[in-house]
C-alpha atoms as a PDB file:
ATOM      1  CA  MET A   1       2.601  23.419   6.065  1.00  0.00           C
ATOM      2  CA  ARG A   2       0.288  20.571   5.231  1.00  0.00           C
ATOM      3  CA  THR A   3       0.828  16.845   6.116  1.00  0.00           C
ATOM      4  CA  ILE A   4      -0.492  13.895   4.013  1.00  0.00           C
ATOM      5  CA  ASP A   5      -0.086  10.320   4.996  1.00  0.00           C
ATOM      6  CA  VAL A   6      -0.229   7.835   2.133  1.00  0.00           C
ATOM      7  CA  HIS A   7      -0.179   4.688   4.276  1.00  0.00           C
ATOM      8  CA  ALA A   8      -3.234   4.491   6.581  1.00  0.00           C
ATOM      9  CA  HIS A   9      -5.292   1.287   6.805  1.00  0.00           C
ATOM     10  CA  LEU A  10      -8.939   0.638   7.338  1.00  0.00           C
ATOM     11  CA  MET A  11     -10.785  -2.284   8.814  1.00  0.00           C
ATOM     12  CA  PRO A  12     -14.246  -1.264   7.616  1.00  0.00           C
ATOM     13  CA  GLN A  13     -17.123  -0.626   9.967  1.00  0.00           C
ATOM     14  CA  CYS A  14     -19.211  -3.011   7.858  1.00  0.00           C
ATOM     15  CA  LEU A  15     -16.934  -5.783   8.990  1.00  0.00           C
ATOM     16  CA  TRP A  16     -17.207  -4.917  12.701  1.00  0.00           C
ATOM     17  CA  ARG A  17     -20.975  -4.755  12.442  1.00  0.00           C
ATOM     18  CA  ALA A  18     -21.052  -8.202  10.876  1.00  0.00           C
ATOM     19  CA  VAL A  19     -18.748  -9.881  13.342  1.00  0.00           C
ATOM     20  CA  ASP A  20     -20.328  -8.124  16.408  1.00  0.00           C
ATOM     21  CA  ALA A  21     -23.596  -9.739  15.276  1.00  0.00           C
ATOM     22  CA  GLY A  22     -21.940 -13.186  15.211  1.00  0.00           C
ATOM     23  CA  ASP A  23     -21.741 -13.230  11.424  1.00  0.00           C
ATOM     24  CA  THR A  24     -18.735 -13.619   9.057  1.00  0.00           C
ATOM     25  CA  TRP A  25     -17.835 -10.753   6.647  1.00  0.00           C
ATOM     26  CA  TYR A  26     -16.926 -12.267   3.310  1.00  0.00           C
ATOM     27  CA  GLY A  27     -15.472 -15.247   4.955  1.00  0.00           C
ATOM     28  CA  THR A  28     -13.674 -13.300   7.731  1.00  0.00           C
ATOM     29  CA  ARG A  29     -14.732 -14.047  11.296  1.00  0.00           C
ATOM     30  CA  PHE A  30     -13.756 -12.789  14.706  1.00  0.00           C
ATOM     31  CA  GLU A  31     -12.027 -15.109  17.092  1.00  0.00           C
ATOM     32  CA  PRO A  32     -11.742 -14.074  20.806  1.00  0.00           C
ATOM     33  CA  GLY A  33      -8.565 -14.721  22.440  1.00  0.00           C
ATOM     34  CA  PRO A  34      -5.579 -13.072  24.167  1.00  0.00           C
ATOM     35  CA  GLY A  35      -5.415  -9.288  24.004  1.00  0.00           C
ATOM     36  CA  LEU A  36      -8.099  -7.990  21.594  1.00  0.00           C
ATOM     37  CA  GLY A  37      -8.542 -11.319  19.824  1.00  0.00           C
ATOM     38  CA  ALA A  38      -8.029 -11.979  16.128  1.00  0.00           C
ATOM     39  CA  THR A  39      -9.740 -12.092  12.747  1.00  0.00           C
ATOM     40  CA  VAL A  40      -9.506 -15.309  10.700  1.00  0.00           C
ATOM     41  CA  THR A  41      -9.605 -14.892   6.907  1.00  0.00           C
ATOM     42  CA  ASN A  42      -9.269 -17.813   4.553  1.00  0.00           C
ATOM     43  CA  GLY A  43      -7.899 -19.876   7.477  1.00  0.00           C
ATOM     44  CA  ARG A  44      -5.205 -17.249   8.320  1.00  0.00           C
ATOM     45  CA  ARG A  45      -5.291 -15.647  11.643  1.00  0.00           C
ATOM     46  CA  SER A  46      -4.528 -11.968  12.019  1.00  0.00           C
ATOM     47  CA  ARG A  47      -4.075 -10.561  15.571  1.00  0.00           C
ATOM     48  CA  VAL A  48      -6.154  -7.472  16.296  1.00  0.00           C
ATOM     49  CA  ALA A  49      -3.138  -5.254  17.042  1.00  0.00           C
ATOM     50  CA  ASN A  50      -4.814  -2.452  18.924  1.00  0.00           C
ATOM     51  CA  ALA A  51      -8.087  -0.873  19.605  1.00  0.00           C
ATOM     52  CA  LYS A  52      -7.562   1.739  16.796  1.00  0.00           C
ATOM     53  CA  VAL A  53      -8.544  -0.770  14.151  1.00  0.00           C
ATOM     54  CA  ARG A  54     -12.103  -0.405  15.349  1.00  0.00           C
ATOM     55  CA  PHE A  55     -12.079   3.441  15.312  1.00  0.00           C
ATOM     56  CA  THR A  56     -14.987   5.267  13.802  1.00  0.00           C
ATOM     57  CA  PRO A  57     -13.996   8.084  11.437  1.00  0.00           C
ATOM     58  CA  GLU A  58     -14.530  10.653  14.249  1.00  0.00           C
ATOM     59  CA  GLU A  59     -12.134   8.766  16.513  1.00  0.00           C
ATOM     60  CA  ARG A  60      -9.603   8.395  13.688  1.00  0.00           C
ATOM     61  CA  LEU A  61      -9.758  12.245  13.161  1.00  0.00           C
ATOM     62  CA  ARG A  62      -8.848  12.832  16.774  1.00  0.00           C
ATOM     63  CA  ASP A  63      -5.969  10.414  16.505  1.00  0.00           C
ATOM     64  CA  MET A  64      -4.784  12.096  13.332  1.00  0.00           C
ATOM     65  CA  ASP A  65      -4.870  15.415  15.096  1.00  0.00           C
ATOM     66  CA  HIS A  66      -2.773  14.033  17.899  1.00  0.00           C
ATOM     67  CA  GLN A  67      -0.172  12.704  15.274  1.00  0.00           C
ATOM     68  CA  GLY A  68      -0.155  16.042  13.345  1.00  0.00           C
ATOM     69  CA  ILE A  69      -1.666  14.470  10.210  1.00  0.00           C
ATOM     70  CA  ASP A  70      -3.963  16.656   8.243  1.00  0.00           C
ATOM     71  CA  THR A  71      -4.984  14.234   5.480  1.00  0.00           C
ATOM     72  CA  GLN A  72      -4.991  10.368   5.558  1.00  0.00           C
ATOM     73  CA  VAL A  73      -5.098   8.377   2.254  1.00  0.00           C
ATOM     74  CA  VAL A  74      -7.219   5.454   3.449  1.00  0.00           C
ATOM     75  CA  SER A  75      -6.760   1.962   2.144  1.00  0.00           C
ATOM     76  CA  ILE A  76      -8.066  -1.462   3.307  1.00  0.00           C
ATOM     77  CA  HIS A  77      -6.162  -3.634   5.754  1.00  0.00           C
ATOM     78  CA  THR A  78      -4.296  -6.000   3.452  1.00  0.00           C
ATOM     79  CA  PRO A  79      -5.559  -9.426   4.915  1.00  0.00           C
ATOM     80  CA  LEU A  80      -9.002  -8.351   3.805  1.00  0.00           C
ATOM     81  CA  PHE A  81      -8.164  -8.028   0.036  1.00  0.00           C
ATOM     82  CA  GLY A  82     -10.388 -10.982  -0.660  1.00  0.00           C
ATOM     83  CA  TYR A  83      -8.658 -12.063  -3.818  1.00  0.00           C
ATOM     84  CA  ASP A  84      -9.354 -15.619  -2.888  1.00  0.00           C
ATOM     85  CA  LEU A  85     -13.133 -15.282  -2.895  1.00  0.00           C
ATOM     86  CA  GLU A  86     -15.497 -16.290  -5.733  1.00  0.00           C
ATOM     87  CA  PRO A  87     -15.664 -13.417  -8.247  1.00  0.00           C
ATOM     88  CA  ALA A  88     -19.126 -12.249  -7.418  1.00  0.00           C
ATOM     89  CA  GLN A  89     -18.192 -12.133  -3.679  1.00  0.00           C
ATOM     90  CA  GLY A  90     -14.959 -10.328  -4.441  1.00  0.00           C
ATOM     91  CA  ARG A  91     -16.886  -7.674  -6.426  1.00  0.00           C
ATOM     92  CA  ARG A  92     -19.290  -7.175  -3.620  1.00  0.00           C
ATOM     93  CA  LEU A  93     -16.507  -6.884  -0.990  1.00  0.00           C
ATOM     94  CA  ALA A  94     -14.752  -4.300  -3.085  1.00  0.00           C
ATOM     95  CA  ARG A  95     -17.890  -2.248  -3.623  1.00  0.00           C
ATOM     96  CA  ASP A  96     -18.749  -2.280   0.091  1.00  0.00           C
ATOM     97  CA  VAL A  97     -15.288  -1.191   1.148  1.00  0.00           C
ATOM     98  CA  ASN A  98     -14.860   1.471  -1.562  1.00  0.00           C
ATOM     99  CA  ASP A  99     -18.273   2.864  -0.845  1.00  0.00           C
ATOM    100  CA  GLU A 100     -17.363   3.211   2.909  1.00  0.00           C
ATOM    101  CA  ILE A 101     -14.054   4.892   2.100  1.00  0.00           C
ATOM    102  CA  ALA A 102     -15.720   7.280  -0.380  1.00  0.00           C
ATOM    103  CA  ALA A 103     -18.318   8.249   2.236  1.00  0.00           C
ATOM    104  CA  MET A 104     -15.429   9.355   4.488  1.00  0.00           C
ATOM    105  CA  THR A 105     -13.839  11.380   1.734  1.00  0.00           C
ATOM    106  CA  ARG A 106     -17.177  13.050   0.906  1.00  0.00           C
ATOM    107  CA  HIS A 107     -17.937  13.879   4.584  1.00  0.00           C
ATOM    108  CA  TRP A 108     -14.396  15.105   5.385  1.00  0.00           C
ATOM    109  CA  PRO A 109     -12.930  16.081   2.039  1.00  0.00           C
ATOM    110  CA  ARG A 110      -9.910  17.866   3.519  1.00  0.00           C
ATOM    111  CA  ARG A 111      -9.116  15.103   6.007  1.00  0.00           C
ATOM    112  CA  PHE A 112      -9.498  11.946   3.970  1.00  0.00           C
ATOM    113  CA  ALA A 113      -8.660  10.720   0.459  1.00  0.00           C
ATOM    114  CA  GLY A 114      -9.130   7.101  -0.642  1.00  0.00           C
ATOM    115  CA  LEU A 115      -7.590   4.219  -2.372  1.00  0.00           C
ATOM    116  CA  ALA A 116      -9.883   1.521  -3.615  1.00  0.00           C
ATOM    117  CA  THR A 117      -9.576  -2.266  -3.244  1.00  0.00           C
ATOM    118  CA  LEU A 118     -10.244  -4.300  -6.363  1.00  0.00           C
ATOM    119  CA  PRO A 119     -11.588  -7.796  -7.137  1.00  0.00           C
ATOM    120  CA  LEU A 120      -8.449  -8.964  -8.829  1.00  0.00           C
ATOM    121  CA  GLN A 121      -9.579 -12.623  -9.269  1.00  0.00           C
ATOM    122  CA  ASP A 122     -11.457 -11.148 -12.282  1.00  0.00           C
ATOM    123  CA  VAL A 123      -9.288  -8.516 -14.036  1.00  0.00           C
ATOM    124  CA  GLY A 124     -12.168  -7.207 -16.139  1.00  0.00           C
ATOM    125  CA  ALA A 125     -14.255  -6.716 -13.033  1.00  0.00           C
ATOM    126  CA  ALA A 126     -11.206  -5.026 -11.320  1.00  0.00           C
ATOM    127  CA  ILE A 127     -10.936  -2.617 -14.188  1.00  0.00           C
ATOM    128  CA  ASP A 128     -14.628  -1.754 -13.929  1.00  0.00           C
ATOM    129  CA  GLU A 129     -14.470  -1.298 -10.188  1.00  0.00           C
ATOM    130  CA  LEU A 130     -11.360   1.016 -10.596  1.00  0.00           C
ATOM    131  CA  ASP A 131     -13.268   3.097 -13.028  1.00  0.00           C
ATOM    132  CA  ARG A 132     -16.256   3.358 -10.730  1.00  0.00           C
ATOM    133  CA  ALA A 133     -13.932   4.113  -7.676  1.00  0.00           C
ATOM    134  CA  VAL A 134     -11.998   6.849  -9.452  1.00  0.00           C
ATOM    135  CA  ASN A 135     -14.590   8.474 -11.843  1.00  0.00           C
ATOM    136  CA  VAL A 136     -17.807   8.071  -9.770  1.00  0.00           C
ATOM    137  CA  LEU A 137     -16.584   7.866  -6.206  1.00  0.00           C
ATOM    138  CA  GLY A 138     -13.679  10.135  -6.476  1.00  0.00           C
ATOM    139  CA  LEU A 139     -11.072   7.776  -4.959  1.00  0.00           C
ATOM    140  CA  LYS A 140      -7.388   8.448  -6.009  1.00  0.00           C
ATOM    141  CA  GLY A 141      -6.386   4.979  -7.158  1.00  0.00           C
ATOM    142  CA  THR A 142      -6.015   1.560  -5.598  1.00  0.00           C
ATOM    143  CA  GLU A 143      -4.044  -0.442  -3.095  1.00  0.00           C
ATOM    144  CA  LEU A 144      -2.664  -3.694  -4.478  1.00  0.00           C
ATOM    145  CA  ASP A 145      -1.085  -6.798  -2.995  1.00  0.00           C
ATOM    146  CA  THR A 146       2.358  -7.662  -4.308  1.00  0.00           C
ATOM    147  CA  VAL A 147       0.992 -10.876  -5.877  1.00  0.00           C
ATOM    148  CA  VAL A 148      -2.467 -11.982  -6.794  1.00  0.00           C
ATOM    149  CA  ASN A 149      -3.108 -15.505  -5.739  1.00  0.00           C
ATOM    150  CA  GLY A 150       0.440 -16.454  -6.444  1.00  0.00           C
ATOM    151  CA  ALA A 151       0.619 -14.665  -9.787  1.00  0.00           C
ATOM    152  CA  GLY A 152       3.172 -11.908 -10.436  1.00  0.00           C
ATOM    153  CA  TRP A 153       2.179  -8.554 -11.836  1.00  0.00           C
ATOM    154  CA  ASP A 154       4.214  -9.072 -15.054  1.00  0.00           C
ATOM    155  CA  GLU A 155       1.734 -11.668 -16.219  1.00  0.00           C
ATOM    156  CA  PRO A 156       0.031 -10.394 -19.493  1.00  0.00           C
ATOM    157  CA  ARG A 157      -3.435 -10.750 -18.029  1.00  0.00           C
ATOM    158  CA  PHE A 158      -2.726  -7.836 -15.788  1.00  0.00           C
ATOM    159  CA  ARG A 159      -1.516  -5.326 -18.512  1.00  0.00           C
ATOM    160  CA  PRO A 160      -4.998  -4.016 -19.335  1.00  0.00           C
ATOM    161  CA  LEU A 161      -5.441  -3.005 -15.616  1.00  0.00           C
ATOM    162  CA  PHE A 162      -2.168  -1.042 -15.762  1.00  0.00           C
ATOM    163  CA  GLU A 163      -3.202   0.551 -19.008  1.00  0.00           C
ATOM    164  CA  ALA A 164      -6.552   1.549 -17.554  1.00  0.00           C
ATOM    165  CA  ALA A 165      -4.950   2.959 -14.410  1.00  0.00           C
ATOM    166  CA  GLU A 166      -2.434   4.926 -16.572  1.00  0.00           C
ATOM    167  CA  ALA A 167      -5.312   6.398 -18.625  1.00  0.00           C
ATOM    168  CA  MET A 168      -7.280   7.324 -15.424  1.00  0.00           C
ATOM    169  CA  GLY A 169      -4.254   8.886 -13.669  1.00  0.00           C
ATOM    170  CA  ALA A 170      -4.929   6.484 -10.788  1.00  0.00           C
ATOM    171  CA  VAL A 171      -2.234   5.894  -8.203  1.00  0.00           C
ATOM    172  CA  LEU A 172      -1.295   2.239  -7.531  1.00  0.00           C
ATOM    173  CA  PHE A 173      -0.063   1.671  -3.980  1.00  0.00           C
ATOM    174  CA  PHE A 174       1.653  -1.748  -3.623  1.00  0.00           C
ATOM    175  CA  HIS A 175       1.530  -3.312  -0.141  1.00  0.00           C
ATOM    176  CA  PRO A 176       2.118  -6.958   0.708  1.00  0.00           C
ATOM    177  CA  GLN A 177       0.115  -9.162   3.063  1.00  0.00           C
ATOM    178  CA  PRO A 178       2.140 -10.406   6.073  1.00  0.00           C
ATOM    179  CA  GLN A 179       0.309 -13.841   5.686  1.00  0.00           C
ATOM    180  CA  HIS A 180       1.261 -14.246   1.988  1.00  0.00           C
ATOM    181  CA  ASN A 181       4.993 -13.958   1.732  1.00  0.00           C
ATOM    182  CA  LEU A 182       7.927 -16.270   1.289  1.00  0.00           C
ATOM    183  CA  LEU A 183       8.757 -16.354   5.159  1.00  0.00           C
ATOM    184  CA  PHE A 184       5.222 -17.058   6.338  1.00  0.00           C
ATOM    185  CA  LYS A 185       4.822 -20.309   8.141  1.00  0.00           C
ATOM    186  CA  GLU A 186       2.040 -21.827  10.092  1.00  0.00           C
ATOM    187  CA  THR A 187       3.849 -20.659  13.183  1.00  0.00           C
ATOM    188  CA  ASP A 188       5.532 -17.396  12.466  1.00  0.00           C
ATOM    189  CA  ARG A 189       8.969 -17.748  14.121  1.00  0.00           C
ATOM    190  CA  PHE A 190      10.363 -14.399  15.666  1.00  0.00           C
ATOM    191  CA  GLY A 191       7.770 -12.325  13.641  1.00  0.00           C
ATOM    192  CA  LEU A 192       9.930 -12.650  10.628  1.00  0.00           C
ATOM    193  CA  ALA A 193       7.081 -12.834   8.183  1.00  0.00           C
ATOM    194  CA  ASN A 194       6.024  -9.366   9.089  1.00  0.00           C
ATOM    195  CA  ASN A 195       9.403  -7.953  10.084  1.00  0.00           C
ATOM    196  CA  LEU A 196      11.404  -9.157   7.123  1.00  0.00           C
ATOM    197  CA  GLY A 197       9.047 -11.025   4.748  1.00  0.00           C
ATOM    198  CA  VAL A 198       6.929  -8.034   4.036  1.00  0.00           C
ATOM    199  CA  ILE A 199       9.853  -5.856   2.811  1.00  0.00           C
ATOM    200  CA  VAL A 200      11.302  -8.735   0.749  1.00  0.00           C
ATOM    201  CA  GLU A 201       7.884  -8.663  -1.000  1.00  0.00           C
ATOM    202  CA  ASP A 202       8.264  -4.948  -1.482  1.00  0.00           C
ATOM    203  CA  ALA A 203      11.531  -5.386  -3.273  1.00  0.00           C
ATOM    204  CA  LEU A 204      10.257  -8.381  -5.333  1.00  0.00           C
ATOM    205  CA  VAL A 205       7.380  -6.254  -6.699  1.00  0.00           C
ATOM    206  CA  VAL A 206       9.743  -3.526  -7.665  1.00  0.00           C
ATOM    207  CA  ALA A 207      11.851  -5.951  -9.510  1.00  0.00           C
ATOM    208  CA  THR A 208       8.868  -7.618 -11.210  1.00  0.00           C
ATOM    209  CA  LEU A 209       7.465  -4.295 -12.402  1.00  0.00           C
ATOM    210  CA  ILE A 210      10.922  -3.296 -13.829  1.00  0.00           C
ATOM    211  CA  PHE A 211      12.003  -6.589 -15.381  1.00  0.00           C
ATOM    212  CA  GLY A 212       8.544  -7.446 -16.570  1.00  0.00           C
ATOM    213  CA  GLY A 213       8.490  -4.339 -18.714  1.00  0.00           C
ATOM    214  CA  VAL A 214       5.450  -2.851 -17.008  1.00  0.00           C
ATOM    215  CA  LEU A 215       7.092   0.578 -16.587  1.00  0.00           C
ATOM    216  CA  ASP A 216       8.113   0.667 -20.214  1.00  0.00           C
ATOM    217  CA  ALA A 217       4.641  -0.389 -21.387  1.00  0.00           C
ATOM    218  CA  CYS A 218       2.933   2.225 -19.192  1.00  0.00           C
ATOM    219  CA  PRO A 219       5.439   5.080 -18.811  1.00  0.00           C
ATOM    220  CA  ASP A 220       2.945   7.430 -17.154  1.00  0.00           C
ATOM    221  CA  LEU A 221       1.760   4.944 -14.549  1.00  0.00           C
ATOM    222  CA  LYS A 222       1.807   6.403 -10.979  1.00  0.00           C
ATOM    223  CA  ILE A 223       3.111   3.884  -8.530  1.00  0.00           C
ATOM    224  CA  CYS A 224       4.019   4.098  -4.850  1.00  0.00           C
ATOM    225  CA  ILE A 225       5.632   1.224  -2.914  1.00  0.00           C
ATOM    226  CA  ALA A 226       5.088   0.710   0.822  1.00  0.00           C
ATOM    227  CA  HIS A 227       7.836   0.423   3.466  1.00  0.00           C
ATOM    228  CA  GLY A 228      10.372   2.411   1.440  1.00  0.00           C
ATOM    229  CA  GLY A 229      10.377  -0.275  -1.198  1.00  0.00           C
ATOM    230  CA  GLY A 230      12.077  -2.626   1.296  1.00  0.00           C
ATOM    231  CA  PRO A 231      15.599  -3.502   0.178  1.00  0.00           C
ATOM    232  CA  ALA A 232      14.929  -2.729  -3.430  1.00  0.00           C
ATOM    233  CA  CYS A 233      17.191   0.340  -3.691  1.00  0.00           C
ATOM    234  CA  PHE A 234      19.897  -1.434  -1.553  1.00  0.00           C
ATOM    235  CA  GLY A 235      19.846  -4.237  -4.146  1.00  0.00           C
ATOM    236  CA  MET A 236      19.887  -2.192  -7.276  1.00  0.00           C
ATOM    237  CA  GLY A 237      23.603  -2.827  -7.873  1.00  0.00           C
ATOM    238  CA  ARG A 238      23.089  -6.521  -7.804  1.00  0.00           C
ATOM    239  CA  LEU A 239      20.013  -6.224 -10.082  1.00  0.00           C
ATOM    240  CA  ASP A 240      22.024  -4.181 -12.555  1.00  0.00           C
ATOM    241  CA  ARG A 241      24.753  -6.785 -12.537  1.00  0.00           C
ATOM    242  CA  GLY A 242      22.204  -9.498 -13.234  1.00  0.00           C
ATOM    243  CA  TRP A 243      20.825  -7.401 -16.143  1.00  0.00           C
ATOM    244  CA  ARG A 244      24.278  -7.206 -17.666  1.00  0.00           C
ATOM    245  CA  VAL A 245      25.202 -10.796 -17.388  1.00  0.00           C
ATOM    246  CA  ARG A 246      21.928 -12.722 -17.955  1.00  0.00           C
ATOM    247  CA  SER A 247      20.209 -12.421 -21.298  1.00  0.00           C
ATOM    248  CA  GLU A 248      16.718 -13.224 -19.978  1.00  0.00           C
ATOM    249  CA  ALA A 249      17.016 -10.180 -17.684  1.00  0.00           C
ATOM    250  CA  ARG A 250      17.250  -8.066 -20.766  1.00  0.00           C
ATOM    251  CA  ARG A 251      14.280  -9.565 -22.536  1.00  0.00           C
ATOM    252  CA  ASN A 252      11.861  -6.745 -21.651  1.00  0.00           C
ATOM    253  CA  ILE A 253      14.019  -3.763 -20.689  1.00  0.00           C
ATOM    254  CA  GLN A 254      16.821  -1.997 -22.586  1.00  0.00           C
ATOM    255  CA  THR A 255      18.495  -0.106 -19.747  1.00  0.00           C
ATOM    256  CA  PRO A 256      19.620  -1.183 -16.261  1.00  0.00           C
ATOM    257  CA  PRO A 257      17.064  -1.675 -13.495  1.00  0.00           C
ATOM    258  CA  SER A 258      18.510   1.241 -11.503  1.00  0.00           C
ATOM    259  CA  SER A 259      17.410   3.548 -14.311  1.00  0.00           C
ATOM    260  CA  TYR A 260      13.814   2.895 -13.348  1.00  0.00           C
ATOM    261  CA  GLN A 261      13.986   3.420  -9.528  1.00  0.00           C
ATOM    262  CA  ARG A 262      13.189   7.117  -9.745  1.00  0.00           C
ATOM    263  CA  ARG A 263      10.120   6.261 -11.789  1.00  0.00           C
ATOM    264  CA  LEU A 264       8.449   5.020  -8.571  1.00  0.00           C
ATOM    265  CA  PHE A 265       7.390   6.705  -5.309  1.00  0.00           C
ATOM    266  CA  TYR A 266       8.204   5.240  -1.902  1.00  0.00           C
ATOM    267  CA  ASP A 267       6.747   5.935   1.548  1.00  0.00           C
ATOM    268  CA  CYS A 268       9.123   6.739   4.330  1.00  0.00           C
ATOM    269  CA  VAL A 269       8.160   3.761   6.609  1.00  0.00           C
ATOM    270  CA  THR A 270      11.752   2.374   6.792  1.00  0.00           C
ATOM    271  CA  HIS A 271      11.912   2.219  10.721  1.00  0.00           C
ATOM    272  CA  SER A 272      15.379   3.744  10.706  1.00  0.00           C
ATOM    273  CA  GLU A 273      17.101   7.013   9.826  1.00  0.00           C
ATOM    274  CA  ALA A 274      19.820   5.085   8.081  1.00  0.00           C
ATOM    275  CA  GLY A 275      17.233   3.199   5.878  1.00  0.00           C
ATOM    276  CA  LEU A 276      15.543   6.362   4.956  1.00  0.00           C
ATOM    277  CA  ARG A 277      18.833   8.120   4.199  1.00  0.00           C
ATOM    278  CA  LEU A 278      19.812   5.383   1.834  1.00  0.00           C
ATOM    279  CA  LEU A 279      16.523   5.609   0.047  1.00  0.00           C
ATOM    280  CA  LEU A 280      16.864   9.431  -0.222  1.00  0.00           C
ATOM    281  CA  ASP A 281      20.364   9.043  -1.525  1.00  0.00           C
ATOM    282  CA  GLN A 282      19.123   6.671  -4.245  1.00  0.00           C
ATOM    283  CA  VAL A 283      15.856   8.374  -5.465  1.00  0.00           C
ATOM    284  CA  GLY A 284      15.882  11.927  -3.972  1.00  0.00           C
ATOM    285  CA  ALA A 285      13.398  13.640  -1.779  1.00  0.00           C
ATOM    286  CA  ASP A 286      11.064  14.252  -4.632  1.00  0.00           C
ATOM    287  CA  ARG A 287      10.181  10.486  -4.813  1.00  0.00           C
ATOM    288  CA  VAL A 288       9.663   9.911  -1.037  1.00  0.00           C
ATOM    289  CA  VAL A 289       6.395  10.494   0.630  1.00  0.00           C
ATOM    290  CA  LEU A 290       4.966  10.440   4.214  1.00  0.00           C
ATOM    291  CA  GLY A 291       3.612   7.100   5.469  1.00  0.00           C
ATOM    292  CA  SER A 292       2.629   5.944   8.934  1.00  0.00           C
ATOM    293  CA  ASP A 293       1.179   2.491   8.569  1.00  0.00           C
ATOM    294  CA  TRP A 294      -1.718   3.567  10.717  1.00  0.00           C
ATOM    295  CA  PRO A 295      -2.739   2.135  13.123  1.00  0.00           C
ATOM    296  CA  PHE A 296      -0.208  -0.762  13.203  1.00  0.00           C
ATOM    297  CA  VAL A 297       3.022   1.263  13.897  1.00  0.00           C
ATOM    298  CA  ALA A 298       3.358   3.186  17.149  1.00  0.00           C
ATOM    299  CA  TRP A 299       5.266   6.469  16.463  1.00  0.00           C
ATOM    300  CA  HIS A 300       6.700   8.422  19.312  1.00  0.00           C
ATOM    301  CA  PRO A 301       5.795  11.189  19.074  1.00  0.00           C
ATOM    302  CA  SER A 302       4.639  10.997  15.467  1.00  0.00           C
ATOM    303  CA  PRO A 303       5.821  10.307  11.896  1.00  0.00           C
ATOM    304  CA  VAL A 304       5.572  14.037  11.191  1.00  0.00           C
ATOM    305  CA  ALA A 305       7.880  14.942  14.164  1.00  0.00           C
ATOM    306  CA  TRP A 306      10.256  12.126  13.114  1.00  0.00           C
ATOM    307  CA  VAL A 307      10.747  13.614   9.502  1.00  0.00           C
ATOM    308  CA  GLN A 308      10.852  17.219  10.849  1.00  0.00           C
ATOM    309  CA  ALA A 309      13.700  16.254  13.190  1.00  0.00           C
ATOM    310  CA  LEU A 310      15.937  14.637  10.559  1.00  0.00           C
ATOM    311  CA  PRO A 311      19.093  16.913  10.711  1.00  0.00           C
ATOM    312  CA  TYR A 312      20.293  16.096   7.139  1.00  0.00           C
ATOM    313  CA  LEU A 313      17.206  17.213   5.323  1.00  0.00           C
ATOM    314  CA  SER A 314      16.534  20.817   4.370  1.00  0.00           C
ATOM    315  CA  GLN A 315      13.128  22.202   5.093  1.00  0.00           C
ATOM    316  CA  GLU A 316      12.382  22.227   1.361  1.00  0.00           C
ATOM    317  CA  ASP A 317      12.954  18.399   1.304  1.00  0.00           C
ATOM    318  CA  LYS A 318      10.926  17.872   4.478  1.00  0.00           C
ATOM    319  CA  ASP A 319       8.027  19.777   2.805  1.00  0.00           C
ATOM    320  CA  LYS A 320       8.302  17.504  -0.230  1.00  0.00           C
ATOM    321  CA  ILE A 321       8.054  14.445   1.913  1.00  0.00           C
ATOM    322  CA  LEU A 322       5.318  15.634   4.240  1.00  0.00           C
ATOM    323  CA  TRP A 323       3.020  17.021   1.647  1.00  0.00           C
ATOM    324  CA  LEU A 324       4.173  18.420  -1.607  1.00  0.00           C
ATOM    325  CA  ASN A 325       4.982  15.152  -3.293  1.00  0.00           C
ATOM    326  CA  LEU A 326       1.640  13.628  -2.550  1.00  0.00           C
ATOM    327  CA  GLU A 327      -0.409  16.761  -3.163  1.00  0.00           C
ATOM    328  CA  LYS A 328       0.881  16.652  -6.753  1.00  0.00           C
ATOM    329  CA  LEU A 329       0.683  12.804  -7.135  1.00  0.00           C
ATOM    330  CA  LEU A 330      -2.848  12.565  -5.931  1.00  0.00           C
ATOM    331  CA  GLY A 331      -4.135  15.815  -7.294  1.00  0.00           C
ATOM    332  CA  LEU A 332      -5.264  17.021  -3.861  1.00  0.00           C
END
């Protein structure tokens, strides 16, 4: 058996070298404070959750061994996307991060695969960087925010990116930023922006991709949604009803939204067996993949052990979630 984790974040070593020297990294600075301090990006503060965010690749590998993870699919920590930067800065940030991830995949090809980050403030530059990342660096696709500077993914200017990704066979992993969602406030009450706002954004991007006609326009697009798609599958009945009774909901799609949910993949980071079971009932084990949200979620003992212990899954379905689905999707 092999285990592949699609949801593993990186705060790049080039960032830590810059802030340790007292500099900023594409506008991100380090702010000492309680615990391990925080990074501040575009005026938004992000607590350094644990020491693992500074791990070198060698330290990361030891932690993966402890968790029973054979391969991590590495992607940037989402507050660092840099979509707000000037286009030239955004391109440099993406190249620096993607080069660092690619170096990990070259040095440890069986332990790491990579997802690029893109300078989406300039769609043409994003397409160019995706082509470089996939066809030159060997990365498997890209991680994307659920919105781009307030714009939804159904906007026509993003369609060429989807077409390019489809042609390349690149995987698109959608993951929202905790600081950029509907529940985020200057003071985050009760942690709701992360605990609830993030999964609301997951569901919204699912709905946007479906109702916006993206999946019809690009039928071979490979898409995975973080956090089990949030409440998207739970809400499919309501989305179907809206499609039936509202003419604007039928403008771009000819069949109910629920007919599209098996076109997507979803990671298993639902934080409850009941949530995962609902997801599996809706889309089947062949559309669910292993995710850990490394290093921001503490698993006891590990995400692999959690999936292996689920009593209602056959070993065949566990193998699909733990590695088979991702091996096929990513071409590993």
